[in-house]
Amino acid sequence: MSNGTNFNLEERTFLFAQSVRSYCKKVTHNIINIQDIKQVVRSSGSVSANYIEANESLSKADLFTE
């Protein structure tokens, strides 16, 4: 999509993680799904963290090792 739209993925991934956490708070917690809920929350947060890390500026040393 080259129409100049700014997708602001950093904000969107953060809002996604917040939405997932909000949803998980509403889900009934029991012995069967508690670990699944924990994993979903961790995974949703890692999407944002991975995006931010991927967009950090690389040093010259990093560029040579890539």
Foldseek 3Di string as FASTA:
>chain_A
DPPPDDPPVLVVLVVQLVVLVVVLVVDDDDPVCPVVSVVSSVVSVVVNVVVVVVPDDDDPVVVVVD
